[in-house]
């Protein structure tokens, strides 16, 4: 079950904030996570939100599983692949089926 920690961490419900008596103008539903992929070295999380990404792209984060390091970028689907451009200038294109796609809950 440990391999699912990155996706579950980012896929949690926003209702936890309301349960603690806090209010917010941001509705984090549907859940932040849209898909994830992982191997022994890294985990990649594709988020549902655009954040500061250009139009037609959404936020992505890649987490190093060996050290407390994360890289942020923007992703899009094109030609059966998921293309990710990272803020440090790196780029990767992975097959769509490489990712576990999460259902849209609360839409």
PDB file of N, CA and C in Angstrom:
ATOM      1  N   UNK A   1       0.813  -1.194   0.000  1.00  0.00           N
ATOM      2  CA  UNK A   1       0.000   0.000   0.000  1.00  0.00           C
ATOM      3  C   UNK A   1       0.858   1.259   0.000  1.00  0.00           C
ATOM      4  N   UNK A   2       2.106   1.138   0.358  1.00  0.00           N
ATOM      5  CA  UNK A   2       2.958   2.327   0.461  1.00  0.00           C
ATOM      6  C   UNK A   2       3.148   3.034  -0.874  1.00  0.00           C
ATOM      7  N   UNK A   3       3.072   2.303  -1.982  1.00  0.00           N
ATOM      8  CA  UNK A   3       3.270   2.938  -3.278  1.00  0.00           C
ATOM      9  C   UNK A   3       2.140   3.890  -3.652  1.00  0.00           C
ATOM     10  N   UNK A   4       1.010   3.845  -2.962  1.00  0.00           N
ATOM     11  CA  UNK A   4      -0.102   4.719  -3.274  1.00  0.00           C
ATOM     12  C   UNK A   4      -0.097   6.010  -2.471  1.00  0.00           C
ATOM     13  N   UNK A   5       0.861   6.195  -1.597  1.00  0.00           N
ATOM     14  CA  UNK A   5       0.899   7.379  -0.745  1.00  0.00           C
ATOM     15  C   UNK A   5       0.910   8.678  -1.543  1.00  0.00           C
ATOM     16  N   UNK A   6       1.744   8.859  -2.567  1.00  0.00           N
ATOM     17  CA  UNK A   6       1.726  10.144  -3.277  1.00  0.00           C
ATOM     18  C   UNK A   6       0.362  10.490  -3.864  1.00  0.00           C
ATOM     19  N   UNK A   7      -0.299   9.533  -4.494  1.00  0.00           N
ATOM     20  CA  UNK A   7      -1.590   9.820  -5.107  1.00  0.00           C
ATOM     21  C   UNK A   7      -2.657  10.070  -4.060  1.00  0.00           C
ATOM     22  N   UNK A   8      -2.683   9.291  -3.005  1.00  0.00           N
ATOM     23  CA  UNK A   8      -3.692   9.475  -1.983  1.00  0.00           C
ATOM     24  C   UNK A   8      -3.492  10.780  -1.234  1.00  0.00           C
ATOM     25  N   UNK A   9      -2.260  11.168  -1.038  1.00  0.00           N
ATOM     26  CA  UNK A   9      -1.977  12.420  -0.354  1.00  0.00           C
ATOM     27  C   UNK A   9      -2.572  13.596  -1.109  1.00  0.00           C
ATOM     28  N   UNK A  10      -2.433  13.601  -2.405  1.00  0.00           N
ATOM     29  CA  UNK A  10      -2.923  14.706  -3.216  1.00  0.00           C
ATOM     30  C   UNK A  10      -4.367  14.525  -3.650  1.00  0.00           C
ATOM     31  N   UNK A  11      -4.945  13.351  -3.416  1.00  0.00           N
ATOM     32  CA  UNK A  11      -6.307  13.094  -3.862  1.00  0.00           C
ATOM     33  C   UNK A  11      -7.324  13.277  -2.747  1.00  0.00           C
ATOM     34  N   UNK A  12      -6.896  13.681  -1.590  1.00  0.00           N
ATOM     35  CA  UNK A  12      -7.793  13.820  -0.453  1.00  0.00           C
ATOM     36  C   UNK A  12      -8.864  14.872  -0.675  1.00  0.00           C
ATOM     37  N   UNK A  13      -9.947  14.708   0.045  1.00  0.00           N
ATOM     38  CA  UNK A  13     -11.081  15.611  -0.076  1.00  0.00           C
ATOM     39  C   UNK A  13     -10.806  16.949   0.590  1.00  0.00           C
ATOM     40  N   UNK A  14     -11.375  17.981   0.047  1.00  0.00           N
ATOM     41  CA  UNK A  14     -11.251  19.318   0.632  1.00  0.00           C
ATOM     42  C   UNK A  14     -12.147  19.479   1.847  1.00  0.00           C
ATOM     43  N   UNK A  15     -13.012  18.505   2.111  1.00  0.00           N
ATOM     44  CA  UNK A  15     -13.939  18.641   3.221  1.00  0.00           C
ATOM     45  C   UNK A  15     -13.235  18.640   4.560  1.00  0.00           C
ATOM     46  N   UNK A  16     -12.010  18.170   4.629  1.00  0.00           N
ATOM     47  CA  UNK A  16     -11.259  18.184   5.877  1.00  0.00           C
ATOM     48  C   UNK A  16     -11.100  19.588   6.415  1.00  0.00           C
ATOM     49  N   UNK A  17     -10.926  20.560   5.546  1.00  0.00           N
ATOM     50  CA  UNK A  17     -10.804  21.940   5.994  1.00  0.00           C
ATOM     51  C   UNK A  17     -12.106  22.429   6.594  1.00  0.00           C
ATOM     52  N   UNK A  18     -13.220  22.128   5.974  1.00  0.00           N
ATOM     53  CA  UNK A  18     -14.500  22.574   6.497  1.00  0.00           C
ATOM     54  C   UNK A  18     -14.790  21.902   7.832  1.00  0.00           C
ATOM     55  N   UNK A  19     -14.405  20.630   7.968  1.00  0.00           N
ATOM     56  CA  UNK A  19     -14.631  19.915   9.210  1.00  0.00           C
ATOM     57  C   UNK A  19     -13.860  20.527  10.370  1.00  0.00           C
ATOM     58  N   UNK A  20     -12.760  21.219  10.083  1.00  0.00           N
ATOM     59  CA  UNK A  20     -11.951  21.820  11.127  1.00  0.00           C
ATOM     60  C   UNK A  20     -12.384  23.252  11.420  1.00  0.00           C
ATOM     61  N   UNK A  21     -13.493  23.672  10.851  1.00  0.00           N
ATOM     62  CA  UNK A  21     -14.009  25.000  11.133  1.00  0.00           C
ATOM     63  C   UNK A  21     -13.395  26.111  10.298  1.00  0.00           C
ATOM     64  N   UNK A  22     -12.556  25.785   9.346  1.00  0.00           N
ATOM     65  CA  UNK A  22     -11.959  26.799   8.482  1.00  0.00           C
ATOM     66  C   UNK A  22     -12.859  27.046   7.287  1.00  0.00           C
ATOM     67  N   UNK A  23     -12.798  28.245   6.763  1.00  0.00           N
ATOM     68  CA  UNK A  23     -13.544  28.541   5.540  1.00  0.00           C
ATOM     69  C   UNK A  23     -12.555  28.963   4.471  1.00  0.00           C
ATOM     70  N   UNK A  24     -12.971  28.802   3.223  1.00  0.00           N
ATOM     71  CA  UNK A  24     -12.090  29.124   2.114  1.00  0.00           C
ATOM     72  C   UNK A  24     -12.914  29.525   0.907  1.00  0.00           C
ATOM     73  N   UNK A  25     -12.356  30.385   0.066  1.00  0.00           N
ATOM     74  CA  UNK A  25     -13.012  30.764  -1.173  1.00  0.00           C
ATOM     75  C   UNK A  25     -12.687  29.794  -2.294  1.00  0.00           C
ATOM     76  N   UNK A  26     -11.786  28.860  -2.056  1.00  0.00           N
ATOM     77  CA  UNK A  26     -11.358  27.922  -3.086  1.00  0.00           C
ATOM     78  C   UNK A  26     -12.046  26.584  -2.868  1.00  0.00           C
ATOM     79  N   UNK A  27     -12.721  26.096  -3.904  1.00  0.00           N
ATOM     80  CA  UNK A  27     -13.345  24.790  -3.843  1.00  0.00           C
ATOM     81  C   UNK A  27     -12.423  23.803  -4.539  1.00  0.00           C
ATOM     82  N   UNK A  28     -11.820  22.917  -3.793  1.00  0.00           N
ATOM     83  CA  UNK A  28     -10.841  21.984  -4.342  1.00  0.00           C
ATOM     84  C   UNK A  28     -11.486  20.752  -4.953  1.00  0.00           C
ATOM     85  N   UNK A  29     -12.796  20.717  -5.062  1.00  0.00           N
ATOM     86  CA  UNK A  29     -13.452  19.589  -5.701  1.00  0.00           C
ATOM     87  C   UNK A  29     -13.533  19.846  -7.188  1.00  0.00           C
ATOM     88  N   UNK A  30     -13.451  18.913  -8.071  1.00  0.00           N
ATOM     89  CA  UNK A  30     -13.125  17.530  -7.756  1.00  0.00           C
ATOM     90  C   UNK A  30     -11.721  17.414  -7.206  1.00  0.00           C
ATOM     91  N   UNK A  31     -11.411  16.263  -6.692  1.00  0.00           N
ATOM     92  CA  UNK A  31     -10.124  16.066  -6.038  1.00  0.00           C
ATOM     93  C   UNK A  31      -8.967  16.553  -6.893  1.00  0.00           C
ATOM     94  N   UNK A  32      -7.893  16.872  -6.235  1.00  0.00           N
ATOM     95  CA  UNK A  32      -6.735  17.456  -6.913  1.00  0.00           C
ATOM     96  C   UNK A  32      -6.114  16.477  -7.901  1.00  0.00           C
ATOM     97  N   UNK A  33      -5.992  15.223  -7.534  1.00  0.00           N
ATOM     98  CA  UNK A  33      -5.314  14.247  -8.386  1.00  0.00           C
ATOM     99  C   UNK A  33      -6.208  13.774  -9.520  1.00  0.00           C
ATOM    100  N   UNK A  34      -5.652  13.716 -10.727  1.00  0.00           N
ATOM    101  CA  UNK A  34      -6.373  13.170 -11.872  1.00  0.00           C
ATOM    102  C   UNK A  34      -5.774  11.827 -12.279  1.00  0.00           C
ATOM    103  N   UNK A  35      -4.451  11.708 -12.163  1.00  0.00           N
ATOM    104  CA  UNK A  35      -3.776  10.466 -12.536  1.00  0.00           C
ATOM    105  C   UNK A  35      -2.403  10.442 -11.875  1.00  0.00           C
ATOM    106  N   UNK A  36      -1.822   9.235 -11.803  1.00  0.00           N
ATOM    107  CA  UNK A  36      -0.471   9.115 -11.279  1.00  0.00           C
ATOM    108  C   UNK A  36       0.237   7.941 -11.927  1.00  0.00           C
ATOM    109  N   UNK A  37       1.560   7.993 -11.888  1.00  0.00           N
ATOM    110  CA  UNK A  37       2.417   6.906 -12.353  1.00  0.00           C
ATOM    111  C   UNK A  37       3.603   6.865 -11.404  1.00  0.00           C
ATOM    112  N   UNK A  38       4.177   5.679 -11.243  1.00  0.00           N
ATOM    113  CA  UNK A  38       5.305   5.574 -10.318  1.00  0.00           C
ATOM    114  C   UNK A  38       6.202   4.417 -10.677  1.00  0.00           C
ATOM    115  N   UNK A  39       7.443   4.538 -10.235  1.00  0.00           N
ATOM    116  CA  UNK A  39       8.420   3.468 -10.326  1.00  0.00           C
ATOM    117  C   UNK A  39       9.265   3.569  -9.058  1.00  0.00           C
ATOM    118  N   UNK A  40      10.272   2.725  -8.874  1.00  0.00           N
ATOM    119  CA  UNK A  40      11.046   2.785  -7.625  1.00  0.00           C
ATOM    120  C   UNK A  40      11.792   4.108  -7.403  1.00  0.00           C
ATOM    121  N   UNK A  41      11.977   4.903  -8.442  1.00  0.00           N
ATOM    122  CA  UNK A  41      12.760   6.133  -8.319  1.00  0.00           C
ATOM    123  C   UNK A  41      11.883   7.371  -8.170  1.00  0.00           C
ATOM    124  N   UNK A  42      10.756   7.410  -8.863  1.00  0.00           N
ATOM    125  CA  UNK A  42       9.948   8.620  -8.856  1.00  0.00           C
ATOM    126  C   UNK A  42       8.461   8.320  -8.945  1.00  0.00           C
ATOM    127  N   UNK A  43       7.661   9.298  -8.535  1.00  0.00           N
ATOM    128  CA  UNK A  43       6.213   9.238  -8.678  1.00  0.00           C
ATOM    129  C   UNK A  43       5.785  10.525  -9.374  1.00  0.00           C
ATOM    130  N   UNK A  44       4.883  10.394 -10.340  1.00  0.00           N
ATOM    131  CA  UNK A  44       4.389  11.551 -11.077  1.00  0.00           C
ATOM    132  C   UNK A  44       2.903  11.682 -10.798  1.00  0.00           C
ATOM    133  N   UNK A  45       2.496  12.872 -10.427  1.00  0.00           N
ATOM    134  CA  UNK A  45       1.101  13.158 -10.151  1.00  0.00           C
ATOM    135  C   UNK A  45       0.605  14.205 -11.133  1.00  0.00           C
ATOM    136  N   UNK A  46      -0.481  13.885 -11.833  1.00  0.00           N
ATOM    137  CA  UNK A  46      -1.121  14.839 -12.731  1.00  0.00           C
ATOM    138  C   UNK A  46      -2.309  15.424 -11.993  1.00  0.00           C
ATOM    139  N   UNK A  47      -2.336  16.732 -11.860  1.00  0.00           N
ATOM    140  CA  UNK A  47      -3.407  17.381 -11.120  1.00  0.00           C
ATOM    141  C   UNK A  47      -4.515  17.839 -12.052  1.00  0.00           C
ATOM    142  N   UNK A  48      -5.689  18.045 -11.493  1.00  0.00           N
ATOM    143  CA  UNK A  48      -6.852  18.500 -12.253  1.00  0.00           C
ATOM    144  C   UNK A  48      -6.862  20.010 -12.440  1.00  0.00           C
ATOM    145  N   UNK A  49      -6.098  20.729 -11.653  1.00  0.00           N
ATOM    146  CA  UNK A  49      -6.160  22.188 -11.676  1.00  0.00           C
ATOM    147  C   UNK A  49      -5.137  22.792 -12.620  1.00  0.00           C
ATOM    148  N   UNK A  50      -5.463  23.943 -13.142  1.00  0.00           N
ATOM    149  CA  UNK A  50      -4.573  24.627 -14.076  1.00  0.00           C
ATOM    150  C   UNK A  50      -3.466  25.365 -13.349  1.00  0.00           C
ATOM    151  N   UNK A  51      -3.782  25.951 -12.198  1.00  0.00           N
ATOM    152  CA  UNK A  51      -2.818  26.742 -11.419  1.00  0.00           C
ATOM    153  C   UNK A  51      -2.188  27.805 -12.312  1.00  0.00           C
ATOM    154  N   UNK A  52      -0.869  27.849 -12.403  1.00  0.00           N
ATOM    155  CA  UNK A  52      -0.192  28.865 -13.214  1.00  0.00           C
ATOM    156  C   UNK A  52       0.192  28.351 -14.596  1.00  0.00           C
ATOM    157  N   UNK A  53      -0.348  27.220 -14.977  1.00  0.00           N
ATOM    158  CA  UNK A  53      -0.011  26.648 -16.278  1.00  0.00           C
ATOM    159  C   UNK A  53      -0.748  27.372 -17.401  1.00  0.00           C
ATOM    160  N   UNK A  54      -0.168  27.353 -18.613  1.00  0.00           N
ATOM    161  CA  UNK A  54      -0.839  27.970 -19.772  1.00  0.00           C
ATOM    162  C   UNK A  54      -2.157  27.274 -20.086  1.00  0.00           C
ATOM    163  N   UNK A  55      -2.996  27.940 -20.874  1.00  0.00           N
ATOM    164  CA  UNK A  55      -4.262  27.339 -21.293  1.00  0.00           C
ATOM    165  C   UNK A  55      -4.009  25.971 -21.920  1.00  0.00           C
ATOM    166  N   UNK A  56      -4.993  25.100 -21.772  1.00  0.00           N
ATOM    167  CA  UNK A  56      -4.966  23.739 -22.311  1.00  0.00           C
ATOM    168  C   UNK A  56      -3.977  22.829 -21.586  1.00  0.00           C
ATOM    169  N   UNK A  57      -3.383  23.286 -20.479  1.00  0.00           N
ATOM    170  CA  UNK A  57      -2.498  22.429 -19.679  1.00  0.00           C
ATOM    171  C   UNK A  57      -2.922  22.502 -18.220  1.00  0.00           C
ATOM    172  N   UNK A  58      -2.459  21.517 -17.462  1.00  0.00           N
ATOM    173  CA  UNK A  58      -2.755  21.448 -16.034  1.00  0.00           C
ATOM    174  C   UNK A  58      -1.464  21.184 -15.271  1.00  0.00           C
ATOM    175  N   UNK A  59      -1.511  21.330 -13.982  1.00  0.00           N
ATOM    176  CA  UNK A  59      -0.344  21.214 -13.114  1.00  0.00           C
ATOM    177  C   UNK A  59       0.098  19.761 -12.967  1.00  0.00           C
ATOM    178  N   UNK A  60       1.405  19.541 -12.920  1.00  0.00           N
ATOM    179  CA  UNK A  60       1.996  18.225 -12.683  1.00  0.00           C
ATOM    180  C   UNK A  60       3.099  18.369 -11.640  1.00  0.00           C
ATOM    181  N   UNK A  61       3.337  17.293 -10.905  1.00  0.00           N
ATOM    182  CA  UNK A  61       4.446  17.273  -9.953  1.00  0.00           C
ATOM    183  C   UNK A  61       5.100  15.893 -10.021  1.00  0.00           C
ATOM    184  N   UNK A  62       6.424  15.883 -10.018  1.00  0.00           N
ATOM    185  CA  UNK A  62       7.173  14.630  -9.987  1.00  0.00           C
ATOM    186  C   UNK A  62       7.955  14.615  -8.678  1.00  0.00           C
ATOM    187  N   UNK A  63       7.791  13.552  -7.916  1.00  0.00           N
ATOM    188  CA  UNK A  63       8.409  13.423  -6.601  1.00  0.00           C
ATOM    189  C   UNK A  63       9.501  12.372  -6.656  1.00  0.00           C
ATOM    190  N   UNK A  64      10.679  12.714  -6.168  1.00  0.00           N
ATOM    191  CA  UNK A  64      11.779  11.761  -6.070  1.00  0.00           C
ATOM    192  C   UNK A  64      11.508  10.893  -4.846  1.00  0.00           C
ATOM    193  N   UNK A  65      11.443   9.587  -5.021  1.00  0.00           N
ATOM    194  CA  UNK A  65      11.121   8.677  -3.923  1.00  0.00           C
ATOM    195  C   UNK A  65      12.324   8.379  -3.051  1.00  0.00           C
ATOM    196  N   UNK A  66      13.513   8.845  -3.450  1.00  0.00           N
ATOM    197  CA  UNK A  66      14.725   8.582  -2.678  1.00  0.00           C
ATOM    198  C   UNK A  66      15.154   9.776  -1.837  1.00  0.00           C
ATOM    199  N   UNK A  67      14.578  10.932  -2.106  1.00  0.00           N
ATOM    200  CA  UNK A  67      14.984  12.168  -1.420  1.00  0.00           C
ATOM    201  C   UNK A  67      13.794  13.121  -1.388  1.00  0.00           C
ATOM    202  N   UNK A  68      13.808  14.086  -0.488  1.00  0.00           N
ATOM    203  CA  UNK A  68      12.685  15.040  -0.422  1.00  0.00           C
ATOM    204  C   UNK A  68      12.793  16.129  -1.499  1.00  0.00           C
ATOM    205  N   UNK A  69      12.648  15.711  -2.763  1.00  0.00           N
ATOM    206  CA  UNK A  69      12.778  16.622  -3.897  1.00  0.00           C
ATOM    207  C   UNK A  69      11.533  16.479  -4.774  1.00  0.00           C
ATOM    208  N   UNK A  70      11.030  17.607  -5.273  1.00  0.00           N
ATOM    209  CA  UNK A  70       9.888  17.576  -6.186  1.00  0.00           C
ATOM    210  C   UNK A  70      10.131  18.572  -7.317  1.00  0.00           C
ATOM    211  N   UNK A  71       9.648  18.219  -8.508  1.00  0.00           N
ATOM    212  CA  UNK A  71       9.727  19.094  -9.679  1.00  0.00           C
ATOM    213  C   UNK A  71       8.303  19.391 -10.113  1.00  0.00           C
ATOM    214  N   UNK A  72       8.031  20.639 -10.431  1.00  0.00           N
ATOM    215  CA  UNK A  72       6.698  21.047 -10.853  1.00  0.00           C
ATOM    216  C   UNK A  72       6.706  21.375 -12.337  1.00  0.00           C
ATOM    217  N   UNK A  73       5.572  21.142 -12.972  1.00  0.00           N
ATOM    218  CA  UNK A  73       5.455  21.435 -14.388  1.00  0.00           C
ATOM    219  C   UNK A  73       4.008  21.491 -14.812  1.00  0.00           C
ATOM    220  N   UNK A  74       3.797  21.459 -16.116  1.00  0.00           N
ATOM    221  CA  UNK A  74       2.462  21.498 -16.698  1.00  0.00           C
ATOM    222  C   UNK A  74       2.313  20.327 -17.667  1.00  0.00           C
ATOM    223  N   UNK A  75       1.106  19.765 -17.734  1.00  0.00           N
ATOM    224  CA  UNK A  75       0.890  18.605 -18.589  1.00  0.00           C
ATOM    225  C   UNK A  75      -0.330  18.811 -19.489  1.00  0.00           C
ATOM    226  N   UNK A  76      -0.298  18.016 -20.587  1.00  0.00           N
ATOM    227  CA  UNK A  76      -1.439  17.943 -21.499  1.00  0.00           C
ATOM    228  C   UNK A  76      -1.410  16.580 -22.162  1.00  0.00           C
ATOM    229  N   UNK A  77      -2.550  16.172 -22.681  1.00  0.00           N
ATOM    230  CA  UNK A  77      -2.633  14.939 -23.465  1.00  0.00           C
ATOM    231  C   UNK A  77      -2.608  15.318 -24.933  1.00  0.00           C
ATOM    232  N   UNK A  78      -1.770  14.595 -25.696  1.00  0.00           N
ATOM    233  CA  UNK A  78      -1.695  14.845 -27.139  1.00  0.00           C
ATOM    234  C   UNK A  78      -1.190  13.599 -27.832  1.00  0.00           C
ATOM    235  N   UNK A  79      -1.926  13.142 -28.829  1.00  0.00           N
ATOM    236  CA  UNK A  79      -1.508  12.008 -29.634  1.00  0.00           C
ATOM    237  C   UNK A  79      -1.318  10.717 -28.837  1.00  0.00           C
ATOM    238  N   UNK A  80      -2.178  10.470 -27.842  1.00  0.00           N
ATOM    239  CA  UNK A  80      -2.074   9.246 -27.048  1.00  0.00           C
ATOM    240  C   UNK A  80      -0.992   9.279 -25.989  1.00  0.00           C
ATOM    241  N   UNK A  81      -0.370  10.429 -25.821  1.00  0.00           N
ATOM    242  CA  UNK A  81       0.693  10.577 -24.826  1.00  0.00           C
ATOM    243  C   UNK A  81       0.345  11.692 -23.853  1.00  0.00           C
ATOM    244  N   UNK A  82       0.964  11.630 -22.703  1.00  0.00           N
ATOM    245  CA  UNK A  82       0.902  12.710 -21.724  1.00  0.00           C
ATOM    246  C   UNK A  82       2.237  13.430 -21.807  1.00  0.00           C
ATOM    247  N   UNK A  83       2.191  14.701 -22.187  1.00  0.00           N
ATOM    248  CA  UNK A  83       3.403  15.509 -22.311  1.00  0.00           C
ATOM    249  C   UNK A  83       3.520  16.394 -21.077  1.00  0.00           C
ATOM    250  N   UNK A  84       4.699  16.397 -20.464  1.00  0.00           N
ATOM    251  CA  UNK A  84       4.933  17.201 -19.276  1.00  0.00           C
ATOM    252  C   UNK A  84       6.148  18.089 -19.512  1.00  0.00           C
ATOM    253  N   UNK A  85       5.941  19.385 -19.367  1.00  0.00           N
ATOM    254  CA  UNK A  85       7.039  20.355 -19.441  1.00  0.00           C
ATOM    255  C   UNK A  85       7.287  20.839 -18.013  1.00  0.00           C
ATOM    256  N   UNK A  86       8.501  20.619 -17.510  1.00  0.00           N
ATOM    257  CA  UNK A  86       8.834  20.992 -16.140  1.00  0.00           C
ATOM    258  C   UNK A  86       9.414  22.396 -16.087  1.00  0.00           C
ATOM    259  N   UNK A  87       9.275  23.027 -14.927  1.00  0.00           N
ATOM    260  CA  UNK A  87       9.744  24.399 -14.746  1.00  0.00           C
ATOM    261  C   UNK A  87      11.244  24.546 -14.952  1.00  0.00           C
ATOM    262  N   UNK A  88      12.006  23.468 -14.739  1.00  0.00           N
ATOM    263  CA  UNK A  88      13.457  23.546 -14.913  1.00  0.00           C
ATOM    264  C   UNK A  88      13.880  23.359 -16.365  1.00  0.00           C
ATOM    265  N   UNK A  89      12.894  23.209 -17.280  1.00  0.00           N
ATOM    266  CA  UNK A  89      13.206  23.078 -18.699  1.00  0.00           C
ATOM    267  C   UNK A  89      13.155  21.656 -19.226  1.00  0.00           C
ATOM    268  N   UNK A  90      13.084  20.665 -18.347  1.00  0.00           N
ATOM    269  CA  UNK A  90      12.991  19.271 -18.791  1.00  0.00           C
ATOM    270  C   UNK A  90      11.614  18.997 -19.389  1.00  0.00           C
ATOM    271  N   UNK A  91      11.555  17.991 -20.265  1.00  0.00           N
ATOM    272  CA  UNK A  91      10.317  17.610 -20.932  1.00  0.00           C
ATOM    273  C   UNK A  91      10.252  16.094 -21.003  1.00  0.00           C
ATOM    274  N   UNK A  92       9.067  15.544 -20.811  1.00  0.00           N
ATOM    275  CA  UNK A  92       8.889  14.102 -21.009  1.00  0.00           C
ATOM    276  C   UNK A  92       7.529  13.843 -21.623  1.00  0.00           C
ATOM    277  N   UNK A  93       7.454  12.768 -22.396  1.00  0.00           N
ATOM    278  CA  UNK A  93       6.203  12.326 -22.996  1.00  0.00           C
ATOM    279  C   UNK A  93       6.057  10.844 -22.682  1.00  0.00           C
ATOM    280  N   UNK A  94       4.992  10.506 -21.954  1.00  0.00           N
ATOM    281  CA  UNK A  94       4.728   9.130 -21.558  1.00  0.00           C
ATOM    282  C   UNK A  94       3.406   8.668 -22.159  1.00  0.00           C
ATOM    283  N   UNK A  95       3.315   7.382 -22.441  1.00  0.00           N
ATOM    284  CA  UNK A  95       2.070   6.818 -22.963  1.00  0.00           C
ATOM    285  C   UNK A  95       0.940   7.045 -21.963  1.00  0.00           C
ATOM    286  N   UNK A  96      -0.242   7.320 -22.476  1.00  0.00           N
ATOM    287  CA  UNK A  96      -1.422   7.549 -21.641  1.00  0.00           C
ATOM    288  C   UNK A  96      -1.636   6.388 -20.663  1.00  0.00           C
ATOM    289  N   UNK A  97      -1.441   5.166 -21.128  1.00  0.00           N
ATOM    290  CA  UNK A  97      -1.685   3.982 -20.305  1.00  0.00           C
ATOM    291  C   UNK A  97      -0.632   3.767 -19.228  1.00  0.00           C
ATOM    292  N   UNK A  98       0.428   4.565 -19.212  1.00  0.00           N
ATOM    293  CA  UNK A  98       1.424   4.495 -18.143  1.00  0.00           C
ATOM    294  C   UNK A  98       0.811   4.955 -16.830  1.00  0.00           C
ATOM    295  N   UNK A  99      -0.210   5.795 -16.895  1.00  0.00           N
ATOM    296  CA  UNK A  99      -0.809   6.400 -15.717  1.00  0.00           C
ATOM    297  C   UNK A  99      -2.041   5.626 -15.237  1.00  0.00           C
ATOM    298  N   UNK A 100      -2.267   5.680 -13.951  1.00  0.00           N
ATOM    299  CA  UNK A 100      -3.503   5.197 -13.344  1.00  0.00           C
ATOM    300  C   UNK A 100      -4.407   6.422 -13.287  1.00  0.00           C
ATOM    301  N   UNK A 101      -5.542   6.369 -13.966  1.00  0.00           N
ATOM    302  CA  UNK A 101      -6.452   7.508 -14.036  1.00  0.00           C
ATOM    303  C   UNK A 101      -7.528   7.354 -12.987  1.00  0.00           C
ATOM    304  N   UNK A 102      -7.712   8.385 -12.187  1.00  0.00           N
ATOM    305  CA  UNK A 102      -8.662   8.354 -11.095  1.00  0.00           C
ATOM    306  C   UNK A 102     -10.032   8.858 -11.563  1.00  0.00           C
ATOM    307  N   UNK A 103     -11.096   8.322 -10.981  1.00  0.00           N
ATOM    308  CA  UNK A 103     -12.435   8.790 -11.388  1.00  0.00           C
ATOM    309  C   UNK A 103     -12.684  10.220 -10.934  1.00  0.00           C
ATOM    310  N   UNK A 104     -13.516  10.913 -11.673  1.00  0.00           N
ATOM    311  CA  UNK A 104     -13.894  12.277 -11.291  1.00  0.00           C
ATOM    312  C   UNK A 104     -15.007  12.169 -10.256  1.00  0.00           C
ATOM    313  N   UNK A 105     -14.677  12.446  -9.028  1.00  0.00           N
ATOM    314  CA  UNK A 105     -15.614  12.329  -7.922  1.00  0.00           C
ATOM    315  C   UNK A 105     -16.104  13.721  -7.546  1.00  0.00           C
ATOM    316  N   UNK A 106     -17.380  13.854  -7.338  1.00  0.00           N
ATOM    317  CA  UNK A 106     -17.940  15.116  -6.872  1.00  0.00           C
ATOM    318  C   UNK A 106     -18.068  16.175  -7.937  1.00  0.00           C
ATOM    319  N   UNK A 107     -18.033  15.770  -9.192  1.00  0.00           N
ATOM    320  CA  UNK A 107     -18.141  16.751 -10.278  1.00  0.00           C
ATOM    321  C   UNK A 107     -19.572  17.154 -10.443  1.00  0.00           C
TER     322      UNK A 107
END
